[in-house]
Amino acid sequence: MGSVIRIVLQRLALGLLTLLIVSAVIFGAVNLLPGDFAQAVLGQSATPEAVAAIRTQLGLDQPLPVRYAGWLWDAARGDLGVSFAQANFASFTGRVDPSATVLAQIAPRFANTMFLAGVTAAIAVPLAVGLGILAALWRDTPFDKGANIATLSSISSPEFFVAYILILLLAVVNPVLPSLSNIFPGMSFGERLERTLLPALTLTLVVTAHMMRMTRAAILNLMAQPYIEMARLKGMRPLRVILRHALPNALAPIVNVVALNLAYLVTGVVVVEVVFVYPGIGQLFVDSVKLRDIPVVQACCLIFAAAYILLNLTADILSIVSNPRLRHPK
């Protein structure tokens, strides 16, 4: 147990260091984006004095290292700043909007994205693991080849192409699901689920191939082991051999690929959310880039990075816990 705790603490420290480095990259990259928020708000006819006044009001005239240190300190305390667009609106109207903070804007959008990721995971993970087990059980059969062709075709197609094909099939030709995911507060769970299914199915087709192929490969790598041969010689059914003997020992690589794909469901939903006009954090990110709203863009990127690092650490820790050989490498 002591070795597991030590490994977990080492992974957490490494994750925090990685997040710190990524935060510096995010801050530098966002501030290198072309365009200027003050100029975008005031228009091309704005005077240099007016532009300079807004830059001073928003703190954009300070040196980059000073702004980064302040942003990092505030983010560590849970303060992601104030949206430039909302702050500028408040300066003109004289009214302070409670939704002006970045956290207030991101929180409901992030909840929507997590709901979409949860629905997708509930469909994709059992489907991918089940297909992987069946493909390993019926290796080199028409089912195995068909499953590989179908999943590889879906993952090889761009997300927007898969999304538009599903819209055509399930919302236009056969109108069983809405083509736009207009989610709003106060909706019932059933209606919310209905409007989330089409983007969830799109993401399912994108991520299933990785998990299915890794499940199949991990199980097939174990099928030649002596204990598997012994189980077969005892007369156990092939499916029971896979589920009881092969699958538990193949969990480490499967957990890794599942966690990576779950991270993608949080960080890679931008295209799908834009296609379906889904009010998630990806849609907010795209809108904020258009407006040059730097605090919101930085916060979205930081959340994407933190989610990806956290899920990777979770996969690493689960792999170590489930495999004693990784806990005692010597």
Protein backbone atom coordinates (compact mmCIF):
# COMPACT_ATOMS: atom_id res chain seq x y z
CA MET A 1 0.00 0.00 0.00
CA GLY A 2 2.87 2.36 0.79
CA SER A 3 4.36 1.88 -2.67
CA VAL A 4 0.99 2.63 -4.30
CA ILE A 5 0.59 5.87 -2.30
CA ARG A 6 4.11 6.94 -3.20
CA ILE A 7 3.51 6.28 -6.89
CA VAL A 8 0.20 8.16 -6.77
CA LEU A 9 1.86 11.18 -5.13
CA GLN A 10 4.65 11.12 -7.72
CA ARG A 11 2.11 11.05 -10.55
CA LEU A 12 0.14 13.91 -8.99
CA ALA A 13 3.28 16.03 -8.64
CA LEU A 14 4.19 15.29 -12.25
CA GLY A 15 0.66 16.23 -13.31
CA LEU A 16 0.85 19.58 -11.47
CA LEU A 17 4.22 20.33 -13.07
CA THR A 18 2.84 19.46 -16.50
CA LEU A 19 -0.19 21.70 -15.92
CA LEU A 20 2.09 24.57 -14.90
CA ILE A 21 4.12 24.24 -18.10
CA VAL A 22 0.97 23.95 -20.19
CA SER A 23 -0.50 27.05 -18.54
CA ALA A 24 2.55 29.08 -19.61
CA VAL A 25 2.21 27.76 -23.18
CA ILE A 26 -1.52 28.57 -23.17
CA PHE A 27 -1.01 32.11 -21.90
CA GLY A 28 1.75 32.84 -24.40
CA ALA A 29 -0.11 31.30 -27.35
CA VAL A 30 -3.40 33.07 -26.59
CA ASN A 31 -1.67 36.42 -26.33
CA LEU A 32 0.01 35.81 -29.69
CA LEU A 33 -3.36 35.48 -31.41
CA PRO A 34 -3.77 38.06 -34.19
CA GLY A 35 -6.10 40.94 -33.52
CA ASP A 36 -6.81 43.04 -30.47
CA PHE A 37 -9.91 43.02 -28.28
CA ALA A 38 -10.01 46.79 -27.86
CA GLN A 39 -9.67 47.35 -31.58
CA ALA A 40 -12.30 44.69 -32.33
CA VAL A 41 -14.80 46.32 -29.95
CA LEU A 42 -14.28 49.90 -31.08
CA GLY A 43 -13.87 49.17 -34.77
CA GLN A 44 -11.28 50.28 -37.28
CA SER A 45 -12.29 53.93 -36.96
CA ALA A 46 -11.41 54.10 -33.27
CA THR A 47 -8.83 56.64 -32.19
CA PRO A 48 -5.55 55.42 -30.67
CA GLU A 49 -6.48 57.17 -27.41
CA ALA A 50 -9.76 55.25 -27.09
CA VAL A 51 -8.01 51.95 -27.83
CA ALA A 52 -5.30 52.74 -25.29
CA ALA A 53 -7.92 53.62 -22.66
CA ILE A 54 -9.68 50.26 -23.00
CA ARG A 55 -6.35 48.39 -22.96
CA THR A 56 -5.41 50.20 -19.75
CA GLN A 57 -8.81 49.47 -18.20
CA LEU A 58 -8.47 45.74 -18.94
CA GLY A 59 -4.79 45.56 -17.97
CA LEU A 60 -3.61 44.71 -21.47
CA ASP A 61 -0.91 47.38 -21.31
CA GLN A 62 1.04 45.52 -18.61
CA PRO A 63 4.10 43.37 -19.46
CA LEU A 64 3.33 39.77 -20.40
CA PRO A 65 5.20 38.15 -17.44
CA VAL A 66 3.32 40.37 -14.97
CA ARG A 67 -0.03 39.49 -16.52
CA TYR A 68 0.85 35.77 -16.51
CA ALA A 69 1.89 35.79 -12.86
CA GLY A 70 -1.33 37.56 -11.87
CA TRP A 71 -3.49 35.25 -13.98
CA LEU A 72 -1.77 32.12 -12.60
CA TRP A 73 -2.13 33.29 -8.99
CA ASP A 74 -5.81 34.11 -9.45
CA ALA A 75 -6.47 30.80 -11.28
CA ALA A 76 -4.84 28.86 -8.43
CA ARG A 77 -7.37 30.50 -6.09
CA GLY A 78 -10.28 29.65 -8.37
CA ASP A 79 -10.61 33.13 -9.87
CA LEU A 80 -10.46 32.92 -13.66
CA GLY A 81 -10.98 36.63 -14.17
CA VAL A 82 -13.65 38.72 -15.82
CA SER A 83 -14.81 38.37 -19.39
CA PHE A 84 -13.54 41.26 -21.49
CA ALA A 85 -16.80 41.44 -23.43
CA GLN A 86 -18.93 41.56 -20.27
CA ALA A 87 -16.60 44.02 -18.55
CA ASN A 88 -16.70 46.33 -21.56
CA PHE A 89 -20.50 46.11 -21.66
CA ALA A 90 -20.66 46.98 -17.96
CA SER A 91 -18.39 50.00 -18.49
CA PHE A 92 -20.79 51.37 -21.11
CA THR A 93 -24.04 50.65 -19.27
CA GLY A 94 -22.83 51.27 -15.73
CA ARG A 95 -24.41 47.99 -14.58
CA VAL A 96 -22.29 45.17 -13.18
CA ASP A 97 -23.58 41.86 -14.47
CA PRO A 98 -23.01 38.89 -12.11
CA SER A 99 -22.36 36.76 -15.20
CA ALA A 100 -19.36 38.93 -16.10
CA THR A 101 -16.94 36.54 -14.40
CA VAL A 102 -15.39 33.85 -16.54
CA LEU A 103 -16.32 31.17 -14.01
CA ALA A 104 -20.00 32.15 -14.18
CA GLN A 105 -19.95 31.81 -17.96
CA ILE A 106 -18.01 28.55 -18.05
CA ALA A 107 -19.80 26.64 -15.26
CA PRO A 108 -23.11 25.93 -17.08
CA ARG A 109 -21.32 25.31 -20.37
CA PHE A 110 -18.91 22.87 -18.73
CA ALA A 111 -21.85 21.06 -17.11
CA ASN A 112 -23.44 20.67 -20.56
CA THR A 113 -20.19 19.32 -22.01
CA MET A 114 -19.86 16.83 -19.14
CA PHE A 115 -23.44 15.69 -19.72
CA LEU A 116 -22.64 15.12 -23.41
CA ALA A 117 -19.43 13.28 -22.49
CA GLY A 118 -21.30 11.14 -19.95
CA VAL A 119 -24.00 10.12 -22.43
CA THR A 120 -21.34 9.32 -25.03
CA ALA A 121 -19.29 7.27 -22.57
CA ALA A 122 -22.38 5.35 -21.45
CA ILE A 123 -22.93 4.31 -25.07
CA ALA A 124 -19.37 4.02 -26.39
CA VAL A 125 -17.51 2.18 -23.61
CA PRO A 126 -19.83 -0.88 -23.30
CA LEU A 127 -20.25 -0.97 -27.09
CA ALA A 128 -16.51 -0.82 -27.78
CA VAL A 129 -15.54 -3.37 -25.10
CA GLY A 130 -18.33 -5.72 -26.21
CA LEU A 131 -17.32 -5.47 -29.87
CA GLY A 132 -13.68 -6.00 -28.91
CA ILE A 133 -14.51 -9.15 -26.94
CA LEU A 134 -16.66 -10.54 -29.75
CA ALA A 135 -14.02 -9.67 -32.36
CA ALA A 136 -11.39 -11.54 -30.31
CA LEU A 137 -13.76 -14.46 -29.78
CA TRP A 138 -14.56 -14.69 -33.51
CA ARG A 139 -11.14 -13.77 -34.80
CA ASP A 140 -10.75 -13.56 -38.61
CA THR A 141 -14.45 -14.21 -39.13
CA PRO A 142 -16.71 -11.96 -41.24
CA PHE A 143 -17.91 -10.33 -37.99
CA ASP A 144 -14.33 -9.46 -36.98
CA LYS A 145 -13.50 -8.03 -40.40
CA GLY A 146 -16.79 -6.16 -40.65
CA ALA A 147 -16.39 -4.59 -37.20
CA ASN A 148 -12.85 -3.47 -38.01
CA ILE A 149 -13.89 -1.99 -41.36
CA ALA A 150 -16.87 -0.16 -39.84
CA THR A 151 -14.95 1.32 -36.91
CA LEU A 152 -11.92 2.28 -39.00
CA SER A 153 -14.19 3.96 -41.54
CA SER A 154 -15.88 6.01 -38.84
CA ILE A 155 -12.61 7.09 -37.23
CA SER A 156 -11.06 7.94 -40.60
CA SER A 157 -13.88 10.34 -41.46
CA PRO A 158 -13.79 13.94 -40.20
CA GLU A 159 -16.08 14.62 -37.27
CA PHE A 160 -18.13 17.21 -39.12
CA PHE A 161 -18.67 14.76 -41.98
CA VAL A 162 -19.94 12.06 -39.60
CA ALA A 163 -22.14 14.67 -37.89
CA TYR A 164 -23.72 15.85 -41.15
CA ILE A 165 -24.31 12.26 -42.31
CA LEU A 166 -26.13 11.50 -39.05
CA ILE A 167 -28.15 14.71 -39.37
CA LEU A 168 -29.13 13.68 -42.90
CA LEU A 169 -30.11 10.14 -41.86
CA LEU A 170 -31.69 10.74 -38.44
CA ALA A 171 -33.01 14.29 -38.66
CA VAL A 172 -33.87 14.91 -42.33
CA VAL A 173 -34.62 11.62 -44.11
CA ASN A 174 -35.91 9.94 -40.94
CA PRO A 175 -36.77 12.73 -38.49
CA VAL A 176 -36.41 10.81 -35.25
CA LEU A 177 -33.95 13.19 -33.52
CA PRO A 178 -33.61 17.00 -33.58
CA SER A 179 -30.76 18.35 -35.70
CA LEU A 180 -29.97 21.20 -33.29
CA SER A 181 -29.15 20.66 -29.63
CA ASN A 182 -30.74 23.77 -28.17
CA ILE A 183 -30.30 22.99 -24.48
CA PHE A 184 -31.64 25.46 -21.92
CA PRO A 185 -32.12 25.48 -18.13
CA GLY A 186 -35.25 23.87 -16.80
CA MET A 187 -35.52 21.14 -19.42
CA SER A 188 -36.64 17.70 -18.36
CA PHE A 189 -34.03 14.95 -18.36
CA GLY A 190 -35.79 13.09 -21.18
CA GLU A 191 -35.91 16.12 -23.47
CA ARG A 192 -32.32 17.00 -22.65
CA LEU A 193 -31.25 13.45 -23.43
CA GLU A 194 -33.16 13.46 -26.73
CA ARG A 195 -31.46 16.64 -27.89
CA THR A 196 -28.04 15.31 -26.84
CA LEU A 197 -28.30 11.91 -28.56
CA LEU A 198 -27.27 13.03 -32.05
CA PRO A 199 -23.97 14.69 -31.00
CA ALA A 200 -23.41 11.77 -28.60
CA LEU A 201 -23.83 9.27 -31.45
CA THR A 202 -21.37 11.29 -33.53
CA LEU A 203 -18.76 11.15 -30.79
CA THR A 204 -19.50 7.47 -30.22
CA LEU A 205 -18.64 6.64 -33.84
CA VAL A 206 -15.42 8.64 -33.48
CA VAL A 207 -14.09 7.06 -30.27
CA THR A 208 -15.38 3.48 -30.49
CA ALA A 209 -12.67 2.28 -32.92
CA HIS A 210 -9.75 3.00 -30.56
CA MET A 211 -11.31 1.23 -27.61
CA MET A 212 -12.59 -1.74 -29.64
CA ARG A 213 -9.26 -2.40 -31.34
CA MET A 214 -7.30 -2.09 -28.09
CA THR A 215 -9.70 -4.50 -26.33
CA ARG A 216 -9.37 -6.97 -29.18
CA ALA A 217 -5.56 -6.68 -29.32
CA ALA A 218 -5.12 -6.94 -25.54
CA ILE A 219 -7.26 -10.08 -25.33
CA LEU A 220 -5.60 -11.73 -28.34
CA ASN A 221 -2.16 -11.10 -26.82
CA LEU A 222 -3.19 -13.16 -23.82
CA MET A 223 -4.87 -16.02 -25.67
CA ALA A 224 -1.55 -17.82 -26.22
CA GLN A 225 -0.58 -17.75 -22.54
CA PRO A 226 -0.23 -21.12 -20.75
CA TYR A 227 -3.02 -20.46 -18.25
CA ILE A 228 -5.41 -19.70 -21.11
CA GLU A 229 -4.42 -22.96 -22.81
CA MET A 230 -4.97 -24.79 -19.52
CA ALA A 231 -8.45 -23.27 -19.20
CA ARG A 232 -9.25 -24.42 -22.73
CA LEU A 233 -7.99 -27.92 -22.02
CA LYS A 234 -10.31 -28.08 -19.01
CA GLY A 235 -13.19 -27.71 -21.44
CA MET A 236 -14.26 -24.16 -20.56
CA ARG A 237 -16.29 -22.34 -23.17
CA PRO A 238 -14.34 -19.74 -25.21
CA LEU A 239 -16.47 -16.81 -24.00
CA ARG A 240 -16.00 -17.85 -20.37
CA VAL A 241 -12.24 -18.15 -20.92
CA ILE A 242 -12.12 -14.59 -22.25
CA LEU A 243 -14.37 -13.04 -19.61
CA ARG A 244 -12.95 -14.85 -16.58
CA HIS A 245 -9.26 -15.30 -17.43
CA ALA A 246 -8.21 -13.04 -20.31
CA LEU A 247 -10.21 -9.84 -19.73
CA PRO A 248 -9.13 -9.18 -16.09
CA ASN A 249 -5.48 -9.41 -17.12
CA ALA A 250 -6.06 -7.15 -20.13
CA LEU A 251 -7.62 -4.35 -18.10
CA ALA A 252 -4.48 -2.16 -17.89
CA PRO A 253 -4.21 -1.29 -21.63
CA ILE A 254 -8.01 -1.17 -21.97
CA VAL A 255 -8.32 1.28 -19.06
CA ASN A 256 -5.60 3.44 -20.62
CA VAL A 257 -7.31 3.71 -23.98
CA VAL A 258 -10.73 4.27 -22.38
CA ALA A 259 -9.34 7.12 -20.25
CA LEU A 260 -7.66 8.70 -23.28
CA ASN A 261 -10.91 8.60 -25.21
CA LEU A 262 -12.84 10.00 -22.25
CA ALA A 263 -10.32 12.86 -22.19
CA TYR A 264 -11.05 13.39 -25.87
CA LEU A 265 -14.76 13.56 -25.10
CA VAL A 266 -14.07 16.57 -22.88
CA THR A 267 -11.34 18.28 -24.89
CA GLY A 268 -12.20 17.33 -28.47
CA VAL A 269 -15.88 18.23 -28.64
CA VAL A 270 -15.35 21.65 -30.22
CA VAL A 271 -16.23 20.63 -33.79
CA VAL A 272 -19.24 18.54 -32.75
CA GLU A 273 -20.61 21.28 -30.49
CA VAL A 274 -20.27 23.87 -33.26
CA VAL A 275 -22.02 21.63 -35.81
CA PHE A 276 -24.98 20.93 -33.52
CA VAL A 277 -24.92 24.39 -31.88
CA TYR A 278 -24.59 22.57 -28.56
CA PRO A 279 -24.14 25.06 -25.68
CA GLY A 280 -21.02 23.49 -24.26
CA ILE A 281 -17.57 24.73 -23.43
CA GLY A 282 -16.35 24.03 -26.97
CA GLN A 283 -18.96 26.36 -28.45
CA LEU A 284 -18.07 29.00 -25.86
CA PHE A 285 -14.39 28.62 -26.76
CA VAL A 286 -15.06 29.25 -30.47
CA ASP A 287 -17.28 32.26 -29.73
CA SER A 288 -14.65 33.73 -27.40
CA VAL A 289 -11.90 33.34 -30.00
CA LYS A 290 -14.06 35.27 -32.48
CA LEU A 291 -14.52 38.08 -29.92
CA ARG A 292 -10.86 38.01 -28.82
CA ASP A 293 -12.12 37.51 -25.26
CA ILE A 294 -8.74 36.49 -23.86
CA PRO A 295 -9.74 35.51 -20.28
CA VAL A 296 -12.45 33.13 -21.49
CA VAL A 297 -10.15 31.58 -24.13
CA GLN A 298 -7.40 31.07 -21.55
CA ALA A 299 -9.82 29.54 -19.05
CA CYS A 300 -11.27 27.14 -21.64
CA CYS A 301 -7.77 26.01 -22.70
CA LEU A 302 -6.73 25.55 -19.08
CA ILE A 303 -9.82 23.43 -18.35
CA PHE A 304 -9.15 21.31 -21.45
CA ALA A 305 -5.55 20.76 -20.38
CA ALA A 306 -6.47 20.00 -16.75
CA ALA A 307 -9.14 17.49 -17.81
CA TYR A 308 -6.76 15.74 -20.20
CA ILE A 309 -3.95 15.56 -17.62
CA LEU A 310 -6.29 14.40 -14.85
CA LEU A 311 -7.79 11.59 -16.93
CA ASN A 312 -4.34 10.48 -18.08
CA LEU A 313 -3.15 10.39 -14.48
CA THR A 314 -6.25 8.41 -13.52
CA ALA A 315 -5.55 5.89 -16.27
CA ASP A 316 -1.91 5.62 -15.19
CA ILE A 317 -2.83 5.10 -11.55
CA LEU A 318 -5.53 2.53 -12.35
CA SER A 319 -3.09 0.62 -14.55
CA ILE A 320 -0.53 0.52 -11.74
CA VAL A 321 -3.09 -0.58 -9.16
CA SER A 322 -4.48 -3.31 -11.42
CA ASN A 323 -1.06 -4.68 -12.42
CA PRO A 324 1.30 -5.73 -9.59
CA ARG A 325 4.24 -5.90 -12.04
CA LEU A 326 4.02 -2.12 -12.52
CA ARG A 327 4.08 -1.55 -8.76
CA HIS A 328 7.26 -3.61 -8.42
CA PRO A 329 9.23 -3.03 -11.66
CA LYS A 330 12.39 -4.63 -10.27
